């Protein structure tokens, strides 16, 4: 039986599968590497280039707006800076790599083990940053006394105020945790050079889930960095929205302008978070499908169908990195004004 994956092409009988790779326990390389159909190559390149250009420009503008304006340097925006840095890393490193893959063959990974590690680390760091933003907003809105600066000075142990320095430390910690939790991928990924049908040496990278621990690890990371955060965030924002709706009826508690700004931030964050998990869902769903599906079902699905789903799920993940600046511009007056100022300066 011939089995396909996104990194190499094998013949074998005993097969273990994982996410973007299907790997045989007794691999016998086949020199005739699978080539993507022309339509898939053209679409993938076109979409990736558009996403990369819009995403890089947009996220650089986010960094300029936040870091260049003193009134924009608050704890919430520091977390948004961290998201923009994660998006830029993804767009600058992983998107060019996928352009090479779709043209040279899906088994050719020029950066080897770095790509799956970087993709997963960025996804995990983004989830942790989103959780940090959400808890910061929860305490600011639902527990304002604990989030008060005076409370932090008088009773520091009972204070939940998120200062800019705390937000920065949380962002650094997010990356450390994400990198640590993603490190087992380096044990599962193999990288080597093989000769293709043209007699050319090509770098081959495969993610192997051959041991029981690797299956458990994959399931655990999906639960910890996707399922659980979705549930927690749904609960947090349900409470936040309820509290804001209730508070809006009490006019003397907060002036209308201040309440409008707070509601605007929450709407923007809800949109950004929803878009992130919607864009990540196909990648996680495919990961689960490949793990739990019988080998015959995957083999019968065909290489073309498999790669269509694989590249769709990866491009959706990359697409999210280009969407965030657009959401900021559409839903935040401060970001919109900041973007317009940059554009006027650039074209004046």
Protein backbone atom coordinates (compact mmCIF):
# COMPACT_ATOMS: atom_id res chain seq x y z
CA UNK A 1 0.00 0.00 0.00
CA UNK A 2 1.27 3.47 -0.85
CA UNK A 3 0.76 6.10 1.84
CA UNK A 4 1.15 9.84 1.44
CA UNK A 5 2.14 12.61 3.81
CA UNK A 6 3.13 16.23 3.62
CA UNK A 7 6.80 15.49 3.95
CA UNK A 8 7.63 12.24 2.18
CA UNK A 9 6.17 9.42 0.13
CA UNK A 10 6.42 5.87 1.44
CA UNK A 11 5.38 2.32 0.78
CA UNK A 12 4.71 0.08 3.75
CA UNK A 13 2.23 -2.02 5.67
CA UNK A 14 2.38 -0.85 9.29
CA UNK A 15 1.52 2.84 9.49
CA UNK A 16 1.16 5.34 12.31
CA UNK A 17 -0.35 8.72 11.51
CA UNK A 18 -0.18 12.25 12.83
CA UNK A 19 -1.61 15.58 11.76
CA UNK A 20 0.20 16.75 8.66
CA UNK A 21 2.18 13.54 8.25
CA UNK A 22 1.46 9.87 7.66
CA UNK A 23 4.54 7.87 8.48
CA UNK A 24 5.31 4.17 8.09
CA UNK A 25 6.94 2.15 10.82
CA UNK A 26 8.99 0.33 8.16
CA UNK A 27 9.62 3.06 5.59
CA UNK A 28 10.85 2.27 2.10
CA UNK A 29 11.42 5.51 0.18
CA UNK A 30 9.91 5.90 -3.25
CA UNK A 31 11.84 8.21 -5.56
CA UNK A 32 8.77 9.47 -7.43
CA UNK A 33 7.70 12.25 -5.04
CA UNK A 34 4.11 13.47 -5.18
CA UNK A 35 3.61 16.76 -7.04
CA UNK A 36 0.68 19.03 -6.24
CA UNK A 37 -1.81 19.76 -9.05
CA UNK A 38 -1.24 23.05 -10.88
CA UNK A 39 -4.49 24.61 -9.60
CA UNK A 40 -3.46 23.87 -6.01
CA UNK A 41 -0.02 25.38 -6.54
CA UNK A 42 -1.41 28.56 -8.14
CA UNK A 43 -4.13 29.07 -5.51
CA UNK A 44 -1.76 28.38 -2.61
CA UNK A 45 0.89 30.77 -3.92
CA UNK A 46 -1.64 33.52 -4.71
CA UNK A 47 -3.36 33.34 -1.32
CA UNK A 48 -0.10 33.03 0.62
CA UNK A 49 1.45 36.06 -1.10
CA UNK A 50 -1.66 38.19 -0.45
CA UNK A 51 -1.85 37.05 3.19
CA UNK A 52 1.88 37.62 3.69
CA UNK A 53 1.92 41.15 2.21
CA UNK A 54 -1.24 42.34 4.01
CA UNK A 55 -0.25 40.64 7.27
CA UNK A 56 3.31 41.97 7.40
CA UNK A 57 2.29 45.56 6.56
CA UNK A 58 -0.70 45.44 8.92
CA UNK A 59 1.18 44.03 11.91
CA UNK A 60 4.09 46.45 11.44
CA UNK A 61 1.54 49.28 11.50
CA UNK A 62 0.07 47.88 14.73
CA UNK A 63 3.52 47.94 16.35
CA UNK A 64 4.17 51.50 15.14
CA UNK A 65 0.78 52.76 16.39
CA UNK A 66 1.10 51.19 19.85
CA UNK A 67 4.80 51.82 20.47
CA UNK A 68 4.74 55.28 18.89
CA UNK A 69 1.85 56.74 20.89
CA UNK A 70 2.20 57.06 24.66
CA UNK A 71 -1.55 56.87 25.30
CA UNK A 72 -1.68 53.51 23.46
CA UNK A 73 0.89 51.84 25.72
CA UNK A 74 -1.44 50.12 28.16
CA UNK A 75 -1.47 46.52 29.38
CA UNK A 76 -4.11 45.36 26.88
CA UNK A 77 -2.18 46.78 23.95
CA UNK A 78 1.07 45.21 25.18
CA UNK A 79 -0.66 41.85 24.79
CA UNK A 80 -1.76 42.91 21.29
CA UNK A 81 1.88 43.77 20.51
CA UNK A 82 2.79 40.23 21.54
CA UNK A 83 0.14 38.85 19.18
CA UNK A 84 1.49 41.01 16.36
CA UNK A 85 5.04 39.76 17.01
CA UNK A 86 3.74 36.17 16.87
CA UNK A 87 1.90 36.94 13.63
CA UNK A 88 5.00 38.50 12.07
CA UNK A 89 7.11 35.47 13.02
CA UNK A 90 4.57 33.18 11.37
CA UNK A 91 4.31 35.30 8.22
CA UNK A 92 8.05 35.90 7.81
CA UNK A 93 9.21 32.33 8.51
CA UNK A 94 6.41 29.85 7.78
CA UNK A 95 4.62 31.47 4.84
CA UNK A 96 7.74 31.60 2.60
CA UNK A 97 8.41 27.96 3.52
CA UNK A 98 4.95 26.90 2.33
CA UNK A 99 5.61 28.71 -0.98
CA UNK A 100 8.64 26.47 -1.47
CA UNK A 101 6.65 23.37 -0.49
CA UNK A 102 3.83 23.86 -2.98
CA UNK A 103 6.25 24.44 -5.86
CA UNK A 104 9.05 21.97 -5.09
CA UNK A 105 6.73 19.27 -3.71
CA UNK A 106 4.99 18.97 -0.32
CA UNK A 107 7.73 16.69 0.98
CA UNK A 108 10.39 19.41 0.61
CA UNK A 109 10.82 21.41 3.82
CA UNK A 110 13.73 23.82 3.47
CA UNK A 111 13.78 24.65 7.19
CA UNK A 112 13.31 21.08 8.38
CA UNK A 113 12.27 20.69 12.01
CA UNK A 114 11.94 24.45 12.48
CA UNK A 115 8.61 24.78 10.62
CA UNK A 116 6.39 22.43 12.71
CA UNK A 117 8.08 23.68 15.88
CA UNK A 118 7.60 27.36 15.03
CA UNK A 119 3.99 26.87 13.87
CA UNK A 120 2.99 25.09 17.07
CA UNK A 121 4.95 27.40 19.36
CA UNK A 122 3.29 30.46 17.81
CA UNK A 123 -0.16 28.87 18.08
CA UNK A 124 0.41 27.99 21.75
CA UNK A 125 1.90 31.41 22.60
CA UNK A 126 -1.03 33.15 20.89
CA UNK A 127 -3.54 31.10 22.89
CA UNK A 128 -1.77 31.94 26.16
CA UNK A 129 -1.65 35.64 25.21
CA UNK A 130 -5.36 35.64 24.37
CA UNK A 131 -6.10 34.06 27.75
CA UNK A 132 -3.97 36.73 29.45
CA UNK A 133 -5.84 39.54 27.65
CA UNK A 134 -9.17 38.02 28.58
CA UNK A 135 -8.35 37.60 32.27
CA UNK A 136 -6.98 41.15 32.36
CA UNK A 137 -10.27 42.47 30.92
CA UNK A 138 -12.29 40.24 33.25
CA UNK A 139 -10.64 41.64 36.38
CA UNK A 140 -10.75 45.22 35.06
CA UNK A 141 -14.50 45.02 34.37
CA UNK A 142 -15.89 42.43 36.77
CA UNK A 143 -13.56 42.97 39.76
CA UNK A 144 -12.63 46.66 39.50
CA UNK A 145 -11.69 47.00 43.18
CA UNK A 146 -9.04 44.28 42.96
CA UNK A 147 -7.84 45.77 39.66
CA UNK A 148 -7.47 49.24 41.16
CA UNK A 149 -3.95 50.72 41.40
CA UNK A 150 -4.55 51.94 44.95
CA UNK A 151 -5.53 48.42 45.98
CA UNK A 152 -2.26 47.15 44.49
CA UNK A 153 -0.28 49.61 46.67
CA UNK A 154 -2.21 49.03 49.91
CA UNK A 155 -2.93 45.30 49.50
CA UNK A 156 -0.55 43.98 46.82
CA UNK A 157 -1.38 40.33 47.55
CA UNK A 158 -5.10 40.94 46.94
CA UNK A 159 -4.60 43.01 43.80
CA UNK A 160 -5.14 41.77 40.23
CA UNK A 161 -4.12 44.99 38.48
CA UNK A 162 -2.16 44.26 35.30
CA UNK A 163 0.53 46.91 34.95
CA UNK A 164 2.61 47.34 31.80
CA UNK A 165 5.58 45.62 33.44
CA UNK A 166 3.39 42.70 34.53
CA UNK A 167 1.94 42.41 31.03
CA UNK A 168 5.45 42.34 29.56
CA UNK A 169 6.55 39.61 31.99
CA UNK A 170 3.41 37.58 31.20
CA UNK A 171 4.19 37.83 27.46
CA UNK A 172 7.75 36.58 28.03
CA UNK A 173 6.41 33.76 30.20
CA UNK A 174 3.90 32.84 27.48
CA UNK A 175 6.72 32.24 24.99
CA UNK A 176 8.76 30.21 27.49
CA UNK A 177 5.77 27.98 28.32
CA UNK A 178 4.81 27.65 24.65
CA UNK A 179 8.34 26.67 23.65
CA UNK A 180 8.60 24.15 26.47
CA UNK A 181 5.23 22.57 25.68
CA UNK A 182 6.09 22.36 21.97
CA UNK A 183 9.59 20.91 22.46
CA UNK A 184 8.42 17.23 22.24
CA UNK A 185 7.74 17.94 18.54
CA UNK A 186 11.50 18.02 18.03
CA UNK A 187 11.67 14.39 19.18
CA UNK A 188 8.85 13.40 16.80
CA UNK A 189 10.19 15.16 13.70
CA UNK A 190 12.80 13.52 11.48
CA UNK A 191 14.90 15.39 8.93
CA UNK A 192 17.10 13.92 6.18
CA UNK A 193 18.17 14.31 2.55
CA UNK A 194 16.81 12.00 -0.15
CA UNK A 195 17.19 11.71 -3.91
CA UNK A 196 14.08 12.53 -5.95
CA UNK A 197 13.13 11.23 -9.41
CA UNK A 198 15.35 13.86 -11.05
CA UNK A 199 18.41 12.73 -9.09
CA UNK A 200 18.36 15.87 -6.92
CA UNK A 201 18.96 15.82 -3.17
CA UNK A 202 15.91 17.27 -1.39
CA UNK A 203 15.39 17.87 2.35
CA UNK A 204 12.70 15.59 3.78
CA UNK A 205 10.93 16.33 7.05
CA UNK A 206 8.40 13.96 8.61
CA UNK A 207 6.46 14.15 11.88
CA UNK A 208 6.29 10.66 13.31
CA UNK A 209 3.75 9.62 15.93
CA UNK A 210 5.05 6.10 16.30
CA UNK A 211 5.04 5.80 20.10
CA UNK A 212 2.08 5.81 22.46
CA UNK A 213 3.44 8.84 24.32
CA UNK A 214 3.35 10.91 21.12
CA UNK A 215 -0.36 10.17 20.57
CA UNK A 216 -1.07 11.11 24.21
CA UNK A 217 1.02 14.26 23.82
CA UNK A 218 -0.85 15.36 20.69
CA UNK A 219 -4.25 14.76 22.30
CA UNK A 220 -3.15 16.63 25.45
CA UNK A 221 -1.90 19.68 23.55
CA UNK A 222 -5.13 19.88 21.53
CA UNK A 223 -7.11 19.76 24.77
CA UNK A 224 -4.89 22.18 26.70
CA UNK A 225 -4.32 24.72 23.93
CA UNK A 226 -7.62 24.57 22.07
CA UNK A 227 -10.59 22.87 23.75
CA UNK A 228 -10.04 24.14 27.31
CA UNK A 229 -9.23 27.74 26.24
CA UNK A 230 -12.39 27.90 24.10
CA UNK A 231 -14.51 26.84 27.09
CA UNK A 232 -12.73 29.22 29.51
CA UNK A 233 -12.97 32.18 27.11
CA UNK A 234 -16.65 31.53 26.41
CA UNK A 235 -17.34 31.63 30.16
CA UNK A 236 -15.19 34.74 30.75
CA UNK A 237 -16.74 36.81 27.98
CA UNK A 238 -20.26 35.70 28.90
CA UNK A 239 -19.68 37.15 32.37
CA UNK A 240 -18.01 40.28 30.95
CA UNK A 241 -20.83 40.98 28.49
CA UNK A 242 -23.46 40.37 31.18
CA UNK A 243 -21.69 42.78 33.53
CA UNK A 244 -21.37 45.47 30.83
CA UNK A 245 -25.03 45.19 29.84
CA UNK A 246 -26.04 45.44 33.48
CA UNK A 247 -23.70 48.37 34.07
CA UNK A 248 -24.91 50.31 31.01
CA UNK A 249 -28.30 50.64 32.67
CA UNK A 250 -26.69 52.49 35.60
CA UNK A 251 -25.85 55.81 33.95
CA UNK A 252 -24.31 57.49 36.97
CA UNK A 253 -21.70 54.76 37.41
CA UNK A 254 -19.77 55.63 34.26
CA UNK A 255 -19.99 58.40 31.70
CA UNK A 256 -21.25 57.47 28.25
CA UNK A 257 -17.93 58.07 26.43
CA UNK A 258 -15.96 55.86 28.81
CA UNK A 259 -18.56 53.09 28.58
CA UNK A 260 -18.53 53.30 24.77
CA UNK A 261 -14.73 52.92 24.68
CA UNK A 262 -14.82 49.92 26.99
CA UNK A 263 -17.57 48.23 24.97
CA UNK A 264 -15.59 48.92 21.79
CA UNK A 265 -12.51 47.19 23.21
CA UNK A 266 -14.55 44.15 24.28
CA UNK A 267 -16.24 43.86 20.86
CA UNK A 268 -12.85 44.06 19.17
CA UNK A 269 -11.31 41.43 21.47
CA UNK A 270 -14.28 39.09 21.04
CA UNK A 271 -13.92 39.37 17.26
CA UNK A 272 -10.14 38.80 17.33
CA UNK A 273 -10.45 35.80 19.64
CA UNK A 274 -13.34 34.25 17.68
CA UNK A 275 -11.43 34.68 14.41
CA UNK A 276 -8.32 33.08 15.92
CA UNK A 277 -10.08 29.91 17.01
CA UNK A 278 -12.15 29.71 13.80
CA UNK A 279 -8.96 29.96 11.72
CA UNK A 280 -7.16 27.42 13.92
CA UNK A 281 -10.12 24.99 13.97
CA UNK A 282 -9.46 23.34 10.54
CA UNK A 283 -5.84 22.61 11.49
CA UNK A 284 -6.82 21.08 14.84
CA UNK A 285 -9.77 19.21 13.30
CA UNK A 286 -7.54 17.70 10.63
CA UNK A 287 -5.03 16.71 13.29
CA UNK A 288 -7.74 14.81 15.18
CA UNK A 289 -9.14 13.29 11.98
CA UNK A 290 -5.77 11.91 10.92
CA UNK A 291 -5.13 10.47 14.38
CA UNK A 292 -8.48 8.71 14.86
CA UNK A 293 -9.33 7.68 11.29
CA UNK A 294 -8.59 4.12 10.09
CA UNK A 295 -5.68 3.85 7.67
CA UNK A 296 -7.97 2.58 4.89
CA UNK A 297 -10.13 5.70 5.12
CA UNK A 298 -7.12 7.98 4.75
CA UNK A 299 -5.66 5.95 1.89
CA UNK A 300 -9.00 5.92 0.05
CA UNK A 301 -9.30 9.68 0.51
CA UNK A 302 -6.47 10.14 -1.97
CA UNK A 303 -3.35 12.28 -1.99
CA UNK A 304 -5.00 15.23 -3.78
CA UNK A 305 -7.88 15.44 -1.31
CA UNK A 306 -5.52 15.08 1.61
CA UNK A 307 -3.25 17.89 0.45
CA UNK A 308 -6.24 20.12 -0.33
CA UNK A 309 -7.34 19.81 3.30
CA UNK A 310 -3.79 20.12 4.61
CA UNK A 311 -2.96 23.35 2.78
CA UNK A 312 -6.42 24.78 3.42
CA UNK A 313 -5.98 24.24 7.17
CA UNK A 314 -2.47 25.72 7.19
CA UNK A 315 -3.43 28.75 5.07
CA UNK A 316 -6.43 29.39 7.34
CA UNK A 317 -4.03 29.49 10.30
CA UNK A 318 -1.79 31.97 8.45
CA UNK A 319 -4.82 34.01 7.35
CA UNK A 320 -5.59 34.89 10.96
CA UNK A 321 -2.27 36.73 11.18
CA UNK A 322 -3.42 39.10 8.44
CA UNK A 323 -6.93 39.60 9.83
CA UNK A 324 -6.06 41.07 13.24
CA UNK A 325 -4.86 44.50 12.01
CA UNK A 326 -7.99 44.74 9.84
CA UNK A 327 -10.20 44.08 12.88
CA UNK A 328 -8.30 46.71 14.89
CA UNK A 329 -8.82 49.29 12.14
CA UNK A 330 -12.51 48.50 11.71
CA UNK A 331 -13.46 48.23 15.38
CA UNK A 332 -11.17 50.63 17.26
CA UNK A 333 -11.25 54.37 16.69
CA UNK A 334 -7.76 54.81 18.17
CA UNK A 335 -6.23 52.18 15.90
CA UNK A 336 -8.08 53.57 12.88
CA UNK A 337 -6.76 57.08 13.55
CA UNK A 338 -3.27 55.70 14.12
CA UNK A 339 -3.31 53.76 10.85
CA UNK A 340 -4.59 56.79 8.93
CA UNK A 341 -1.82 58.93 10.40
CA UNK A 342 0.81 56.42 9.23
CA UNK A 343 -0.72 56.22 5.73
CA UNK A 344 -0.89 60.02 5.41
CA UNK A 345 2.75 60.31 6.46
CA UNK A 346 3.77 57.59 4.00
CA UNK A 347 1.99 59.11 0.98
CA UNK A 348 2.44 62.80 1.73
